[in-house]
Amino acid sequence: MQHLYKRVQGWSAFLELYEEMVKEAPRSGAVFVEVGAWKGRSAAYMCVEIANSGKQIDFYVVDHFQGAAEQIARREPELASGTLFEVFTENLRPVARYYRVMKMGSLEAAAGFPHNSIDFLLIDGAHDYQSVRDDLAAWLPAVKPGGVIGGDDWTKPGVRQAVTEAFGDRLTLFGGTNKKGFKKCWKTIRK
């Protein structure tokens, strides 16, 4: 299947991590979660990677589809019209069988996953310190020991502070760089 993510407006600085996670996943039984979807660009990429792998990976996409603070401040048209979820659904229509959407807040969704059930978690919801800290606290118990946790927006001070407090020197930075030369993405392995 050809990738369709470039047709979807949004961000996707961590695609190499998605490729790596699919490659390392077992043939069946893996559980992946993406927190924060916007219009589905990175989710579309993951779905095609899963499809092309032939693996049975349960991929959950979590978002309340009400936008994050910076999107609301920019007055994104899909937020003003209340159509963000419909835009996301239409963007992912060709790969609909490869994901399950959880249209709810991150903390509510995290409560629905049993401890040690997630192989790969990508956190890219709100970008302020308290939200990232809350996301990490809520989701971490659900990630299997040895599971990978990653995220975007390392260059945002609130993200960097919350992630550093949670994982310290166990972090790996990767992805493109911003104008100041800082790596944009982070990942760690749950102990």
Protein backbone atom coordinates (compact mmCIF):
# COMPACT_ATOMS: atom_id res chain seq x y z
CA MET A 1 0.00 0.00 0.00
CA GLN A 2 1.33 3.45 -0.89
CA HIS A 3 1.73 6.00 1.89
CA LEU A 4 -0.96 8.64 1.98
CA TYR A 5 0.22 10.68 4.97
CA LYS A 6 1.61 13.53 2.82
CA ARG A 7 -1.94 14.37 1.76
CA VAL A 8 -2.89 14.98 5.41
CA GLN A 9 -2.19 18.37 6.97
CA GLY A 10 -0.23 18.15 10.20
CA TRP A 11 3.06 17.02 11.66
CA SER A 12 5.04 13.81 11.60
CA ALA A 13 8.57 14.23 12.92
CA PHE A 14 8.69 10.72 14.38
CA LEU A 15 8.00 8.53 11.34
CA GLU A 16 11.33 6.71 11.66
CA LEU A 17 10.24 5.61 15.14
CA TYR A 18 6.97 4.28 13.73
CA GLU A 19 8.91 2.26 11.13
CA GLU A 20 11.21 0.89 13.82
CA MET A 21 8.32 -0.10 16.11
CA VAL A 22 6.46 -1.96 13.37
CA LYS A 23 9.64 -3.73 12.29
CA GLU A 24 10.36 -4.85 15.88
CA ALA A 25 6.79 -5.88 16.69
CA PRO A 26 5.91 -9.56 16.86
CA ARG A 27 3.78 -11.05 14.05
CA SER A 28 0.68 -10.70 16.21
CA GLY A 29 -0.44 -9.45 19.58
CA ALA A 30 1.30 -6.06 19.73
CA VAL A 31 -0.59 -3.03 21.01
CA PHE A 32 0.38 0.48 19.87
CA VAL A 33 -1.20 3.74 21.07
CA GLU A 34 -0.90 7.25 19.64
CA VAL A 35 -2.12 10.02 21.95
CA GLY A 36 -2.92 13.16 19.96
CA ALA A 37 -4.04 12.79 16.36
CA TRP A 38 -4.95 16.22 14.99
CA LYS A 39 -5.98 15.43 11.38
CA GLY A 40 -4.32 12.02 11.27
CA ARG A 41 -1.03 12.54 9.42
CA SER A 42 1.13 10.33 11.65
CA ALA A 43 -1.70 7.85 12.24
CA ALA A 44 -2.06 7.45 8.46
CA TYR A 45 1.65 6.68 8.26
CA MET A 46 1.45 4.08 11.03
CA CYS A 47 -1.59 2.43 9.45
CA VAL A 48 0.20 1.98 6.12
CA GLU A 49 3.30 0.64 7.89
CA ILE A 50 1.10 -1.90 9.71
CA ALA A 51 -0.70 -2.83 6.50
CA ASN A 52 2.55 -3.34 4.60
CA SER A 53 4.08 -5.40 7.41
CA GLY A 54 1.34 -8.02 7.34
CA LYS A 55 1.47 -8.04 11.15
CA GLN A 56 -1.54 -8.08 13.43
CA ILE A 57 -0.94 -4.92 15.47
CA ASP A 58 -3.76 -3.34 17.44
CA PHE A 59 -3.30 0.40 16.87
CA TYR A 60 -5.34 2.83 18.97
CA VAL A 61 -5.57 6.54 18.19
CA VAL A 62 -6.61 8.69 21.15
CA ASP A 63 -7.86 12.26 20.81
CA HIS A 64 -10.81 14.31 22.04
CA PHE A 65 -10.72 16.20 18.71
CA GLN A 66 -11.17 19.56 20.41
CA GLY A 67 -7.64 20.77 19.67
CA ALA A 68 -4.74 21.74 21.89
CA ALA A 69 -4.24 25.26 23.22
CA GLU A 70 -1.96 26.37 20.39
CA GLN A 71 -4.40 25.11 17.73
CA ILE A 72 -7.30 26.86 19.44
CA ALA A 73 -5.23 30.08 19.61
CA ARG A 74 -4.58 29.86 15.85
CA ARG A 75 -8.33 29.54 15.28
CA GLU A 76 -8.00 26.48 13.09
CA PRO A 77 -11.11 26.27 10.87
CA GLU A 78 -11.90 22.64 11.78
CA LEU A 79 -12.05 23.60 15.43
CA ALA A 80 -14.25 26.62 14.80
CA SER A 81 -16.67 24.53 12.75
CA GLY A 82 -16.51 21.49 15.05
CA THR A 83 -15.50 19.19 12.18
CA LEU A 84 -12.03 18.03 13.26
CA PHE A 85 -13.15 14.46 13.95
CA GLU A 86 -14.87 14.25 10.55
CA VAL A 87 -11.72 15.56 8.83
CA PHE A 88 -9.61 12.98 10.68
CA THR A 89 -12.02 10.16 9.76
CA GLU A 90 -12.07 11.15 6.09
CA ASN A 91 -8.27 11.41 5.97
CA LEU A 92 -7.93 7.88 7.36
CA ARG A 93 -10.80 6.31 5.39
CA PRO A 94 -8.43 4.29 3.12
CA VAL A 95 -6.78 2.69 6.18
CA ALA A 96 -9.81 2.48 8.49
CA ARG A 97 -9.33 -1.24 9.18
CA TYR A 98 -5.86 -0.67 10.66
CA TYR A 99 -6.76 1.51 13.65
CA ARG A 100 -9.32 2.04 16.38
CA VAL A 101 -10.14 5.59 17.37
CA MET A 102 -10.83 6.48 20.98
CA LYS A 103 -12.62 9.84 20.84
CA MET A 104 -11.94 10.95 24.41
CA GLY A 105 -9.37 12.64 26.57
CA SER A 106 -6.00 11.05 27.15
CA LEU A 107 -6.46 10.35 30.86
CA GLU A 108 -9.86 8.73 30.30
CA ALA A 109 -8.43 6.52 27.55
CA ALA A 110 -5.42 5.50 29.66
CA ALA A 111 -7.76 4.19 32.37
CA GLY A 112 -9.15 1.71 29.83
CA PHE A 113 -5.85 -0.10 29.25
CA PRO A 114 -4.71 -2.84 31.64
CA HIS A 115 -1.30 -2.61 33.28
CA ASN A 116 1.55 -3.91 31.11
CA SER A 117 -0.57 -4.14 27.96
CA ILE A 118 1.01 -1.62 25.55
CA ASP A 119 4.13 -2.32 23.50
CA PHE A 120 4.52 1.18 22.06
CA LEU A 121 3.10 4.49 23.24
CA LEU A 122 3.50 7.82 21.42
CA ILE A 123 2.48 10.89 23.42
CA ASP A 124 1.77 13.97 21.33
CA GLY A 125 -1.28 15.59 22.92
CA ALA A 126 -1.12 18.87 24.80
CA HIS A 127 2.35 20.40 25.09
CA ASP A 128 2.30 22.13 28.46
CA TYR A 129 4.16 20.77 31.48
CA GLN A 130 1.14 19.66 33.53
CA SER A 131 -0.60 17.90 30.63
CA VAL A 132 2.52 15.97 29.63
CA ARG A 133 3.22 15.07 33.26
CA ASP A 134 -0.37 13.85 33.68
CA ASP A 135 -0.21 11.87 30.43
CA LEU A 136 3.00 10.14 31.49
CA ALA A 137 1.65 9.30 34.93
CA ALA A 138 -1.61 7.94 33.51
CA TRP A 139 -0.13 5.91 30.66
CA LEU A 140 3.13 4.58 32.11
CA PRO A 141 1.53 1.70 34.08
CA ALA A 142 -0.08 0.42 30.88
CA VAL A 143 3.24 0.16 29.02
CA LYS A 144 4.92 -3.24 29.24
CA PRO A 145 8.35 -3.48 30.82
CA GLY A 146 10.68 -3.15 27.85
CA GLY A 147 8.00 -1.24 25.93
CA VAL A 148 8.87 1.97 24.12
CA ILE A 149 7.47 5.38 25.02
CA GLY A 150 8.07 8.28 22.69
CA GLY A 151 6.88 11.72 21.86
CA ASP A 152 7.26 14.87 19.87
CA ASP A 153 7.84 18.53 20.69
CA TRP A 154 10.98 18.07 22.79
CA THR A 155 11.82 21.68 22.02
CA LYS A 156 8.79 22.94 24.00
CA PRO A 157 9.92 23.71 27.56
CA GLY A 158 6.92 22.06 29.26
CA VAL A 159 7.40 18.83 27.31
CA ARG A 160 11.14 18.76 27.96
CA GLN A 161 10.70 19.37 31.71
CA ALA A 162 7.98 16.74 32.24
CA VAL A 163 9.75 14.09 30.17
CA THR A 164 13.12 14.75 31.81
CA GLU A 165 11.58 14.51 35.28
CA ALA A 166 9.95 11.19 34.36
CA PHE A 167 12.87 9.51 32.60
CA GLY A 168 16.07 11.41 33.37
CA ASP A 169 19.08 10.23 31.43
CA ARG A 170 17.26 7.23 29.93
CA LEU A 171 16.12 9.38 27.00
CA THR A 172 17.18 9.21 23.39
CA LEU A 173 16.61 12.28 21.23
CA PHE A 174 16.02 11.90 17.50
CA GLY A 175 14.18 13.36 14.53
CA GLY A 176 14.69 16.61 12.72
CA THR A 177 15.92 19.75 14.41
CA ASN A 178 14.34 23.12 15.01
CA LYS A 179 15.91 26.46 14.05
CA LYS A 180 18.18 26.35 17.10
CA GLY A 181 19.45 22.87 16.28
CA PHE A 182 17.52 20.98 18.98
CA LYS A 183 16.23 17.50 18.20
CA LYS A 184 12.43 17.41 18.04
CA CYS A 185 11.54 13.94 19.33
CA TRP A 186 12.29 11.72 22.33
CA LYS A 187 11.95 8.08 23.31
CA THR A 188 12.75 5.78 26.19
CA ILE A 189 12.26 2.16 27.20
CA ARG A 190 10.11 1.36 30.23
CA LYS A 191 12.02 -0.44 32.94
